[in-house]
N, C-alpha and C. Protein backbone atom coordinates (compact mmCIF):
# COMPACT_ATOMS: atom_id res chain seq x y z
N MET A 1 0.55 -10.43 -6.29
CA MET A 1 1.02 -8.61 -5.12
C MET A 1 0.51 -7.67 -5.94
N LEU A 2 -0.14 -7.19 -4.73
CA LEU A 2 -0.58 -6.16 -5.03
C LEU A 2 0.22 -4.94 -4.89
N VAL A 3 0.60 -3.79 -5.16
CA VAL A 3 1.80 -3.10 -5.40
C VAL A 3 0.79 -1.67 -5.48
N ILE A 4 1.45 -0.72 -4.09
CA ILE A 4 1.34 0.77 -4.50
C ILE A 4 1.43 1.13 -5.55
N GLU A 5 0.85 2.56 -5.89
CA GLU A 5 1.61 2.85 -7.42
C GLU A 5 3.04 3.73 -7.25
N CYS A 6 3.44 3.94 -6.06
CA CYS A 6 4.41 4.85 -5.99
C CYS A 6 5.68 4.14 -6.08
N ILE A 7 5.69 2.62 -5.76
CA ILE A 7 6.67 0.84 -6.15
C ILE A 7 6.57 1.06 -7.20
N LEU A 8 5.62 0.98 -8.19
CA LEU A 8 5.91 0.68 -9.91
C LEU A 8 6.12 2.56 -10.21
N ASN A 9 5.96 3.30 -9.93
CA ASN A 9 5.86 4.93 -10.57
C ASN A 9 6.15 5.63 -9.84
N GLN A 10 7.24 6.06 -9.09
CA GLN A 10 7.75 7.08 -8.13
C GLN A 10 7.41 8.14 -8.51
N ASN A 11 6.63 8.77 -10.01
CA ASN A 11 6.40 10.26 -9.66
C ASN A 11 5.07 10.58 -9.45
N ALA A 12 4.56 9.39 -8.12
CA ALA A 12 3.08 9.51 -7.90
C ALA A 12 3.16 9.95 -6.82
N ARG A 13 4.32 10.05 -5.90
CA ARG A 13 4.86 10.93 -4.97
C ARG A 13 4.58 11.83 -4.74
N ASP A 14 4.47 12.66 -3.38
CA ASP A 14 4.18 13.65 -3.28
C ASP A 14 5.96 14.34 -3.61
N LEU A 15 5.49 15.71 -4.02
CA LEU A 15 7.02 16.60 -4.44
C LEU A 15 8.10 16.13 -3.48
N GLY A 16 9.69 15.66 -3.95
CA GLY A 16 10.19 15.70 -2.93
C GLY A 16 10.37 14.16 -1.90
N ALA A 17 9.27 13.12 -2.39
CA ALA A 17 9.35 12.28 -1.21
C ALA A 17 9.15 10.58 -2.19
N ALA A 18 10.43 10.76 -3.39
CA ALA A 18 10.35 10.38 -4.08
C ALA A 18 11.63 9.41 -3.18
N THR A 19 12.34 8.28 -3.80
CA THR A 19 13.35 7.43 -3.42
C THR A 19 14.45 7.01 -4.12
N TYR A 20 13.33 6.91 -5.36
CA TYR A 20 14.32 6.31 -6.54
C TYR A 20 14.14 7.31 -7.73
N PRO A 21 14.87 7.63 -8.85
CA PRO A 21 14.77 8.27 -9.91
C PRO A 21 13.15 7.65 -10.48
N SER A 22 12.40 6.66 -10.87
CA SER A 22 11.75 6.18 -11.69
C SER A 22 10.66 5.29 -10.71
N MET A 23 11.36 3.85 -10.22
CA MET A 23 10.61 3.03 -9.71
C MET A 23 11.53 2.11 -8.86
N ASN A 24 11.22 1.14 -7.84
CA ASN A 24 11.74 0.53 -6.69
C ASN A 24 11.96 -0.59 -7.44
N PHE A 25 13.38 -0.81 -8.13
CA PHE A 25 13.87 -1.80 -8.79
C PHE A 25 13.61 -2.87 -8.28
N GLU A 26 13.88 -2.88 -6.80
CA GLU A 26 14.55 -4.38 -6.03
C GLU A 26 13.00 -4.77 -5.81
N VAL A 27 12.08 -4.70 -5.43
CA VAL A 27 10.42 -4.51 -5.28
C VAL A 27 10.12 -5.48 -6.79
N ILE A 28 10.61 -4.72 -7.63
CA ILE A 28 9.85 -5.47 -9.07
C ILE A 28 11.08 -6.30 -9.41
N GLY A 29 12.67 -6.03 -9.28
CA GLY A 29 12.71 -7.72 -9.69
C GLY A 29 12.80 -8.62 -8.94
N LEU A 30 12.60 -8.97 -7.36
CA LEU A 30 12.30 -9.26 -7.17
C LEU A 30 10.84 -10.65 -7.10
N CYS A 31 9.80 -9.74 -7.73
CA CYS A 31 8.60 -10.35 -8.59
C CYS A 31 9.19 -10.68 -9.85
N MET A 32 9.75 -9.88 -10.60
CA MET A 32 10.23 -10.48 -12.01
C MET A 32 10.83 -12.12 -11.64
N LYS A 33 11.82 -12.14 -10.14
CA LYS A 33 12.28 -13.06 -10.67
C LYS A 33 11.66 -14.44 -10.00
N TYR A 34 10.29 -13.89 -9.15
CA TYR A 34 9.59 -15.17 -9.29
C TYR A 34 8.59 -15.54 -9.97
N HIS A 35 8.54 -14.06 -11.01
CA HIS A 35 7.39 -14.84 -11.95
C HIS A 35 6.17 -14.25 -10.98
N VAL A 36 6.06 -13.11 -9.96
CA VAL A 36 4.97 -13.02 -9.63
C VAL A 36 4.11 -11.52 -10.55
N GLY A 37 2.64 -11.88 -10.74
CA GLY A 37 2.46 -10.77 -11.33
C GLY A 37 2.00 -9.10 -10.23
N MET A 38 2.06 -8.28 -10.84
CA MET A 38 2.01 -6.72 -10.27
C MET A 38 0.83 -6.71 -10.53
N VAL A 39 -0.33 -6.29 -9.12
CA VAL A 39 -1.76 -5.42 -9.95
C VAL A 39 -1.36 -3.79 -8.60
N GLN A 40 -1.31 -2.97 -9.43
CA GLN A 40 -1.08 -1.58 -9.11
C GLN A 40 -2.49 -1.35 -8.16
N ILE A 41 -2.49 -0.45 -7.22
CA ILE A 41 -2.97 0.09 -6.59
C ILE A 41 -3.28 1.64 -6.70
N PRO A 42 -3.99 2.10 -7.74
CA PRO A 42 -4.13 3.71 -7.79
C PRO A 42 -3.55 4.28 -5.89
N CYS A 43 -2.99 5.44 -6.40
CA CYS A 43 -2.19 6.48 -5.19
C CYS A 43 -3.85 7.18 -4.67
N PRO A 44 -3.68 6.70 -3.38
CA PRO A 44 -5.10 7.14 -2.62
C PRO A 44 -4.76 9.00 -2.39
N GLU A 45 -3.44 9.29 -2.46
CA GLU A 45 -3.64 10.68 -1.95
C GLU A 45 -3.84 11.16 -3.33
N ILE A 46 -3.42 10.91 -4.80
CA ILE A 46 -3.96 11.42 -5.91
C ILE A 46 -5.05 11.51 -6.06
N ALA A 47 -6.12 9.93 -5.52
CA ALA A 47 -7.43 9.98 -5.83
C ALA A 47 -8.04 10.84 -5.10
N CYS A 48 -7.49 11.06 -4.14
CA CYS A 48 -8.62 11.92 -3.03
C CYS A 48 -8.37 13.49 -2.97
N LEU A 49 -6.98 13.79 -3.10
CA LEU A 49 -6.98 14.96 -2.96
C LEU A 49 -6.33 15.96 -4.42
N GLY A 50 -5.77 14.96 -5.64
CA GLY A 50 -5.30 15.73 -6.56
C GLY A 50 -4.10 15.26 -6.37
N PHE A 51 -3.47 15.17 -7.95
CA PHE A 51 -2.23 15.58 -7.95
C PHE A 51 -1.24 16.25 -7.30
N LEU A 52 -1.44 17.06 -7.20
CA LEU A 52 -0.85 18.21 -6.35
C LEU A 52 -1.16 18.09 -4.46
N ARG A 53 -2.03 17.28 -3.91
CA ARG A 53 -2.58 16.98 -2.75
C ARG A 53 -3.10 18.53 -1.94
N LYS A 54 -3.92 18.92 -2.94
CA LYS A 54 -4.88 19.99 -2.52
C LYS A 54 -5.40 19.87 -1.07
N ARG A 55 -4.83 21.09 -0.88
CA ARG A 55 -5.59 20.88 0.86
C ARG A 55 -5.12 22.19 1.59
N GLU A 56 -6.51 22.93 2.49
CA GLU A 56 -5.91 24.13 3.58
C GLU A 56 -4.55 24.62 3.91
N PRO A 57 -4.18 25.32 3.83
CA PRO A 57 -2.52 25.76 4.32
C PRO A 57 -2.76 25.43 5.70
N GLY A 58 -0.81 24.74 5.81
CA GLY A 58 -1.04 24.33 7.21
C GLY A 58 -1.57 22.97 7.82
N LYS A 59 -2.37 22.54 6.57
CA LYS A 59 -2.97 20.79 6.95
C LYS A 59 -2.12 20.04 6.67
N SER A 60 -1.68 19.22 7.18
CA SER A 60 -0.91 17.87 6.51
C SER A 60 -1.78 16.98 5.60
N ILE A 61 -1.46 16.13 4.78
CA ILE A 61 -1.91 15.09 3.56
C ILE A 61 -2.39 14.35 4.92
N ARG A 62 -1.96 13.60 6.17
CA ARG A 62 -2.86 12.96 6.76
C ARG A 62 -3.90 13.57 7.27
N ASP A 63 -4.12 14.73 7.29
CA ASP A 63 -5.24 15.40 8.00
C ASP A 63 -6.10 15.61 7.50
N ALA A 64 -5.88 16.23 5.75
CA ALA A 64 -6.45 15.83 4.81
C ALA A 64 -7.49 14.91 4.41
N LEU A 65 -6.71 13.63 4.23
CA LEU A 65 -6.60 12.03 4.59
C LEU A 65 -7.99 11.66 5.57
N ASP A 66 -7.39 12.55 6.40
CA ASP A 66 -8.25 11.84 8.17
C ASP A 66 -9.16 12.59 7.99
N THR A 67 -10.59 12.70 7.48
CA THR A 67 -11.75 13.98 7.18
C THR A 67 -12.78 12.73 7.22
N GLU A 68 -13.81 13.07 6.90
CA GLU A 68 -14.87 12.13 6.10
C GLU A 68 -15.04 12.47 5.03
N PHE A 69 -14.89 13.47 3.83
CA PHE A 69 -14.65 13.01 2.63
C PHE A 69 -13.44 12.16 2.31
N GLY A 70 -12.31 12.64 2.96
CA GLY A 70 -11.11 11.65 2.80
C GLY A 70 -10.55 10.02 3.16
N ARG A 71 -11.86 10.15 4.49
CA ARG A 71 -11.69 8.63 4.71
C ARG A 71 -12.96 7.75 3.75
N GLU A 72 -13.87 8.43 3.37
CA GLU A 72 -14.79 8.29 2.25
C GLU A 72 -14.24 7.90 0.80
N CYS A 73 -13.49 8.62 0.60
CA CYS A 73 -12.54 8.86 -1.00
C CYS A 73 -12.21 7.18 -0.64
N CYS A 74 -10.90 7.13 0.27
CA CYS A 74 -10.28 5.97 0.79
C CYS A 74 -11.23 4.46 0.90
N ARG A 75 -12.21 4.67 1.30
CA ARG A 75 -13.45 3.49 1.33
C ARG A 75 -13.58 3.05 -0.32
N LYS A 76 -14.07 4.18 -0.76
CA LYS A 76 -14.55 4.11 -2.33
C LYS A 76 -13.42 3.25 -2.93
N LEU A 77 -12.15 3.55 -2.74
CA LEU A 77 -10.95 3.09 -3.34
C LEU A 77 -10.79 1.71 -3.35
N ALA A 78 -10.99 1.79 -1.76
CA ALA A 78 -10.68 0.81 -1.45
C ALA A 78 -11.34 -0.99 -2.23
N ARG A 79 -12.93 -0.43 -1.75
CA ARG A 79 -13.83 -0.92 -2.34
C ARG A 79 -14.11 -1.67 -4.21
N ILE A 80 -13.05 -0.73 -4.99
CA ILE A 80 -12.76 -1.62 -5.96
C ILE A 80 -11.43 -2.42 -6.13
N VAL A 81 -10.68 -1.88 -5.24
CA VAL A 81 -9.57 -2.69 -5.28
C VAL A 81 -9.82 -3.95 -4.69
N GLY A 82 -10.78 -3.61 -3.62
CA GLY A 82 -11.23 -4.87 -2.63
C GLY A 82 -11.54 -6.29 -3.93
N ASP A 83 -12.70 -5.59 -4.79
CA ASP A 83 -13.57 -6.71 -5.88
C ASP A 83 -12.77 -6.90 -6.56
N ARG A 84 -11.53 -5.97 -6.89
CA ARG A 84 -10.37 -6.69 -8.00
C ARG A 84 -9.92 -8.06 -7.13
N VAL A 85 -9.59 -7.72 -6.23
CA VAL A 85 -8.36 -9.06 -5.53
C VAL A 85 -9.76 -10.23 -5.48
N LYS A 86 -11.11 -9.90 -5.31
CA LYS A 86 -12.10 -10.99 -4.98
C LYS A 86 -11.90 -11.94 -6.32
N MET A 87 -12.13 -10.64 -7.66
CA MET A 87 -12.45 -11.24 -8.71
C MET A 87 -10.95 -12.41 -8.97
N TYR A 88 -9.94 -11.56 -8.90
CA TYR A 88 -8.67 -12.56 -8.97
C TYR A 88 -8.75 -14.22 -8.32
N ILE A 89 -9.25 -13.85 -7.29
CA ILE A 89 -9.40 -15.15 -6.38
C ILE A 89 -9.87 -15.96 -6.77
N ASP A 90 -11.22 -15.64 -7.05
CA ASP A 90 -12.25 -16.29 -7.34
C ASP A 90 -12.16 -16.62 -9.11
N ASN A 91 -11.02 -16.51 -9.56
CA ASN A 91 -10.87 -17.25 -10.79
C ASN A 91 -9.47 -17.89 -10.67
N GLY A 92 -9.18 -18.55 -9.46
CA GLY A 92 -8.01 -19.37 -9.52
C GLY A 92 -6.72 -18.82 -9.52
N ASN A 93 -6.38 -17.53 -9.46
CA ASN A 93 -5.26 -16.75 -8.55
C ASN A 93 -5.02 -16.68 -7.20
N ARG A 94 -3.22 -16.86 -6.90
CA ARG A 94 -3.24 -16.56 -5.44
C ARG A 94 -2.65 -15.09 -5.39
N VAL A 95 -3.45 -14.66 -4.13
CA VAL A 95 -3.14 -13.31 -4.25
C VAL A 95 -2.00 -13.56 -2.75
N LEU A 96 -0.76 -13.00 -3.12
CA LEU A 96 0.73 -13.38 -2.19
C LEU A 96 0.54 -12.47 -0.64
N ALA A 97 0.11 -10.87 -1.72
CA ALA A 97 0.46 -9.64 -0.15
C ALA A 97 -0.19 -8.37 -0.64
N VAL A 98 -0.20 -7.31 0.21
CA VAL A 98 -0.60 -6.20 -0.30
C VAL A 98 0.81 -5.38 0.31
N LEU A 99 1.31 -4.70 -0.51
CA LEU A 99 2.52 -3.86 -0.72
C LEU A 99 2.37 -2.47 -0.12
N GLY A 100 1.91 -2.31 1.02
CA GLY A 100 2.66 -0.72 1.50
C GLY A 100 3.45 0.13 1.62
N GLY A 101 3.25 1.07 2.02
CA GLY A 101 4.30 2.38 2.25
C GLY A 101 5.06 2.84 3.14
N ASN A 102 5.92 3.67 3.03
CA ASN A 102 7.00 3.94 4.04
C ASN A 102 6.19 4.46 5.48
N PRO A 103 6.76 3.97 6.69
CA PRO A 103 5.66 4.45 7.44
C PRO A 103 5.22 6.04 8.74
N GLU A 104 5.44 6.90 7.51
CA GLU A 104 5.04 7.84 7.54
C GLU A 104 4.09 8.08 6.71
N SER A 105 3.33 7.62 5.59
CA SER A 105 2.92 7.49 4.10
C SER A 105 1.82 7.92 4.52
N PRO A 106 0.54 8.69 4.53
CA PRO A 106 -0.57 9.30 5.26
C PRO A 106 -1.29 8.19 4.61
N GLY A 107 -1.28 7.89 3.50
CA GLY A 107 -2.35 6.99 2.69
C GLY A 107 -1.92 5.37 3.17
N CYS A 108 -0.85 5.27 2.70
CA CYS A 108 -0.19 3.72 2.38
C CYS A 108 0.80 3.02 3.67
N ALA A 109 1.28 3.44 4.70
CA ALA A 109 1.95 3.34 5.70
C ALA A 109 0.90 2.42 5.97
N VAL A 110 2.11 1.00 6.43
CA VAL A 110 1.91 -0.03 7.49
C VAL A 110 2.52 -0.02 8.63
N GLN A 111 0.90 -0.36 9.46
CA GLN A 111 2.16 -0.67 10.92
C GLN A 111 1.03 -1.47 11.26
N TYR A 112 1.92 -2.50 12.27
CA TYR A 112 1.10 -3.59 12.91
C TYR A 112 0.79 -3.15 13.91
N LYS A 113 -0.44 -3.51 13.88
CA LYS A 113 -0.68 -3.84 16.07
C LYS A 113 0.07 -4.58 16.99
N MET A 114 0.46 -5.59 16.54
CA MET A 114 1.93 -5.94 17.58
C MET A 114 3.28 -5.94 16.18
N GLU A 115 4.37 -6.62 16.78
CA GLU A 115 5.49 -6.63 16.43
C GLU A 115 5.11 -7.91 15.44
N ASN A 116 5.12 -8.12 14.40
CA ASN A 116 5.03 -9.47 13.84
C ASN A 116 4.13 -10.05 13.80
N SER A 117 2.44 -9.37 13.57
CA SER A 117 1.57 -9.86 14.18
C SER A 117 0.37 -10.04 12.76
N ASP A 118 0.09 -11.25 12.79
CA ASP A 118 -0.98 -11.31 11.60
C ASP A 118 -2.28 -11.00 11.92
N ASN A 119 -2.83 -10.17 12.84
CA ASN A 119 -3.64 -9.79 13.71
C ASN A 119 -4.34 -8.43 13.30
N GLY A 120 -3.46 -7.50 12.01
CA GLY A 120 -4.35 -7.01 11.48
C GLY A 120 -3.10 -5.26 11.54
N ILE A 121 -3.44 -4.35 11.37
CA ILE A 121 -2.44 -3.31 11.45
C ILE A 121 -3.51 -2.00 12.55
N SER A 122 -2.66 -1.35 12.79
CA SER A 122 -2.64 -0.54 13.70
C SER A 122 -3.23 1.05 12.88
N GLU A 123 -4.08 1.67 13.71
CA GLU A 123 -4.59 2.91 13.30
C GLU A 123 -3.48 3.97 13.17
N LYS A 124 -2.19 3.39 13.29
CA LYS A 124 -1.16 4.43 12.71
C LYS A 124 -0.82 4.28 11.26
N SER A 125 -1.70 3.01 11.09
CA SER A 125 -1.46 2.94 9.22
C SER A 125 -2.08 4.12 8.51
N GLY A 126 -1.28 3.97 7.54
CA GLY A 126 -2.14 5.20 6.17
C GLY A 126 -3.77 5.30 6.16
N ILE A 127 -4.54 5.82 6.25
CA ILE A 127 -5.93 6.01 6.09
C ILE A 127 -6.58 5.04 4.90
N PHE A 128 -5.83 5.31 3.70
CA PHE A 128 -5.75 4.24 2.60
C PHE A 128 -5.93 2.58 3.56
N MET A 129 -4.66 2.35 3.63
CA MET A 129 -4.02 1.00 4.12
C MET A 129 -5.36 0.32 5.14
N GLN A 130 -5.88 1.51 6.12
CA GLN A 130 -6.74 0.79 7.00
C GLN A 130 -8.09 0.63 6.28
N ALA A 131 -8.88 1.33 5.63
CA ALA A 131 -10.14 1.04 5.09
C ALA A 131 -9.69 -0.10 4.17
N LEU A 132 -8.62 -0.25 3.35
CA LEU A 132 -8.63 -1.45 2.54
C LEU A 132 -7.99 -2.97 3.42
N PHE A 133 -7.71 -2.75 4.57
CA PHE A 133 -8.04 -4.20 5.57
C PHE A 133 -9.40 -4.56 6.08
N TRP A 134 -9.99 -3.53 6.10
CA TRP A 134 -11.34 -3.75 6.55
C TRP A 134 -12.19 -4.03 5.13
N GLU A 135 -11.81 -3.57 4.36
CA GLU A 135 -13.21 -3.71 3.09
C GLU A 135 -12.35 -5.35 2.95
N LEU A 136 -11.32 -6.03 3.23
CA LEU A 136 -11.11 -7.28 2.77
C LEU A 136 -11.28 -8.20 3.69
N SER A 137 -11.42 -7.69 4.74
CA SER A 137 -11.76 -8.88 6.00
C SER A 137 -13.33 -8.37 5.71
N GLN A 138 -14.09 -7.54 4.98
CA GLN A 138 -15.39 -8.12 4.81
C GLN A 138 -15.81 -9.40 3.93
N LYS A 139 -15.25 -9.46 3.22
CA LYS A 139 -14.93 -10.31 1.80
C LYS A 139 -14.30 -11.26 2.67
N HIS A 140 -14.19 -11.76 3.46
CA HIS A 140 -13.53 -12.47 4.31
C HIS A 140 -12.14 -12.91 3.77
N ILE A 141 -11.22 -12.23 2.72
CA ILE A 141 -10.26 -12.38 2.90
C ILE A 141 -9.02 -11.86 3.33
N TYR A 142 -7.83 -12.42 4.06
CA TYR A 142 -6.67 -12.02 4.77
C TYR A 142 -5.41 -12.26 4.45
N LEU A 143 -4.99 -10.81 3.70
CA LEU A 143 -3.57 -10.97 2.97
C LEU A 143 -2.96 -10.32 4.34
N PRO A 144 -1.05 -10.95 4.05
CA PRO A 144 -0.49 -9.79 4.75
C PRO A 144 -0.43 -8.39 4.10
N PHE A 145 -0.17 -7.66 4.97
CA PHE A 145 0.27 -6.51 4.74
C PHE A 145 1.48 -6.02 5.11
N ILE A 146 2.64 -5.94 3.66
CA ILE A 146 3.76 -5.17 4.22
C ILE A 146 4.00 -4.03 3.44
N GLY A 147 5.10 -3.21 4.88
CA GLY A 147 5.34 -1.85 4.57
C GLY A 147 6.51 -2.11 3.96
N ILE A 148 6.58 -1.62 2.47
CA ILE A 148 7.54 -1.31 1.79
C ILE A 148 8.52 0.23 2.16
N ARG A 149 9.57 -0.11 3.46
CA ARG A 149 9.95 1.42 3.58
C ARG A 149 11.30 1.49 2.99
N ASP A 150 11.17 1.64 1.98
CA ASP A 150 12.23 2.00 0.81
C ASP A 150 12.85 3.79 1.30
N CYS A 151 12.86 4.28 2.34
CA CYS A 151 13.23 5.51 2.89
C CYS A 151 14.42 5.24 3.87
N ARG A 152 14.60 3.83 3.99
CA ARG A 152 15.82 3.53 4.70
C ARG A 152 16.38 2.32 4.04
N PRO A 153 17.62 2.02 3.61
CA PRO A 153 18.15 0.99 3.17
C PRO A 153 18.23 -0.39 3.85
N GLU A 154 18.39 -0.21 5.21
CA GLU A 154 18.21 -1.63 6.03
C GLU A 154 16.57 -1.92 6.27
N TRP A 155 15.94 -0.75 6.35
CA TRP A 155 14.41 -1.13 6.38
C TRP A 155 14.02 -1.83 4.85
N LEU A 156 14.32 -1.13 3.89
CA LEU A 156 13.98 -2.00 3.36
C LEU A 156 14.76 -3.14 2.41
N GLU A 157 15.89 -3.60 2.92
CA GLU A 157 16.49 -5.08 2.77
C GLU A 157 15.48 -6.28 4.16
N SER A 158 15.54 -5.50 4.68
CA SER A 158 14.90 -6.38 6.02
C SER A 158 12.80 -6.51 5.41
N ASP A 159 12.72 -5.69 4.66
CA ASP A 159 11.29 -5.94 3.65
C ASP A 159 11.25 -6.67 3.22
N LEU A 160 12.31 -6.68 1.73
CA LEU A 160 12.79 -7.35 0.90
C LEU A 160 12.89 -8.96 1.25
N HIS A 161 13.59 -9.21 2.56
CA HIS A 161 13.53 -10.20 3.00
C HIS A 161 12.00 -10.63 3.14
N SER A 162 11.68 -10.44 3.74
CA SER A 162 10.05 -10.59 4.58
C SER A 162 9.47 -11.03 3.06
N LEU A 163 9.22 -10.43 2.24
CA LEU A 163 8.98 -10.20 0.47
C LEU A 163 8.91 -11.49 0.00
N GLU A 164 10.29 -11.75 0.12
CA GLU A 164 10.58 -13.16 -0.34
C GLU A 164 10.19 -14.46 0.13
N LEU A 165 10.36 -14.45 1.33
CA LEU A 165 9.51 -15.67 2.44
C LEU A 165 8.11 -15.64 1.74
N ILE A 166 7.48 -14.50 2.00
CA ILE A 166 6.37 -14.87 1.21
C ILE A 166 6.32 -15.40 -0.15
N ILE A 167 7.15 -14.87 -1.02
CA ILE A 167 6.64 -15.12 -2.43
C ILE A 167 7.39 -17.23 -2.54
N ARG A 168 7.79 -17.15 -1.50
CA ARG A 168 8.39 -18.44 -1.67
C ARG A 168 7.60 -19.48 -1.07
N ARG A 169 6.94 -19.18 0.39
CA ARG A 169 5.86 -20.14 0.14
C ARG A 169 4.56 -21.59 -0.21
C-alpha cells in the first residue's frame, strides 16, 4: 500500500491541519490487521516548498504547487515513487492502492473524474496526485487511488470500508 506521509505522521501536515495527534491509527490498524506493508510517499508540499510551505504572501499552497517549478518538483517526486512501485511489482509484490489525502489537500487530494470511476482522477486532485497518476500510467501501472478523507468522520468511515474491500480482494 502506498501511503502519503501525513497518514503515517500527522506532523507533516501544514500547521493546524492535523486531524490526529500523531498518525491515522484507523488506516494503519487496517493495514496491520491484514498484514499489508506500507510504503511512505514523501510529502510533496515539504519536498517542493519546505517544511513551512514557503511561498509569496497571499499565495495558497495549491497556487505555489501549480507553477512550473511546483509541477516539475511534483513530477520528479512522482518519478521516484513510480520507479519504486515498478520495482516492487517487478520483484513479485502486489501493490494494492495509492492512499491520498483530504479533498482540499493541495498536493495529495484525490478527486475522481466520475463517481466511483476507475477512469482516472480529475484536475481537482492534488498537483502531486495528478503527476503520480500520469507517471504510473506511463509505466502501465493502474492502481486505485483512494482519498483518505480524515477531515470528517463519516467520510473516513466510508474510505476505510472501500480500502478494506480492496485489501480483501
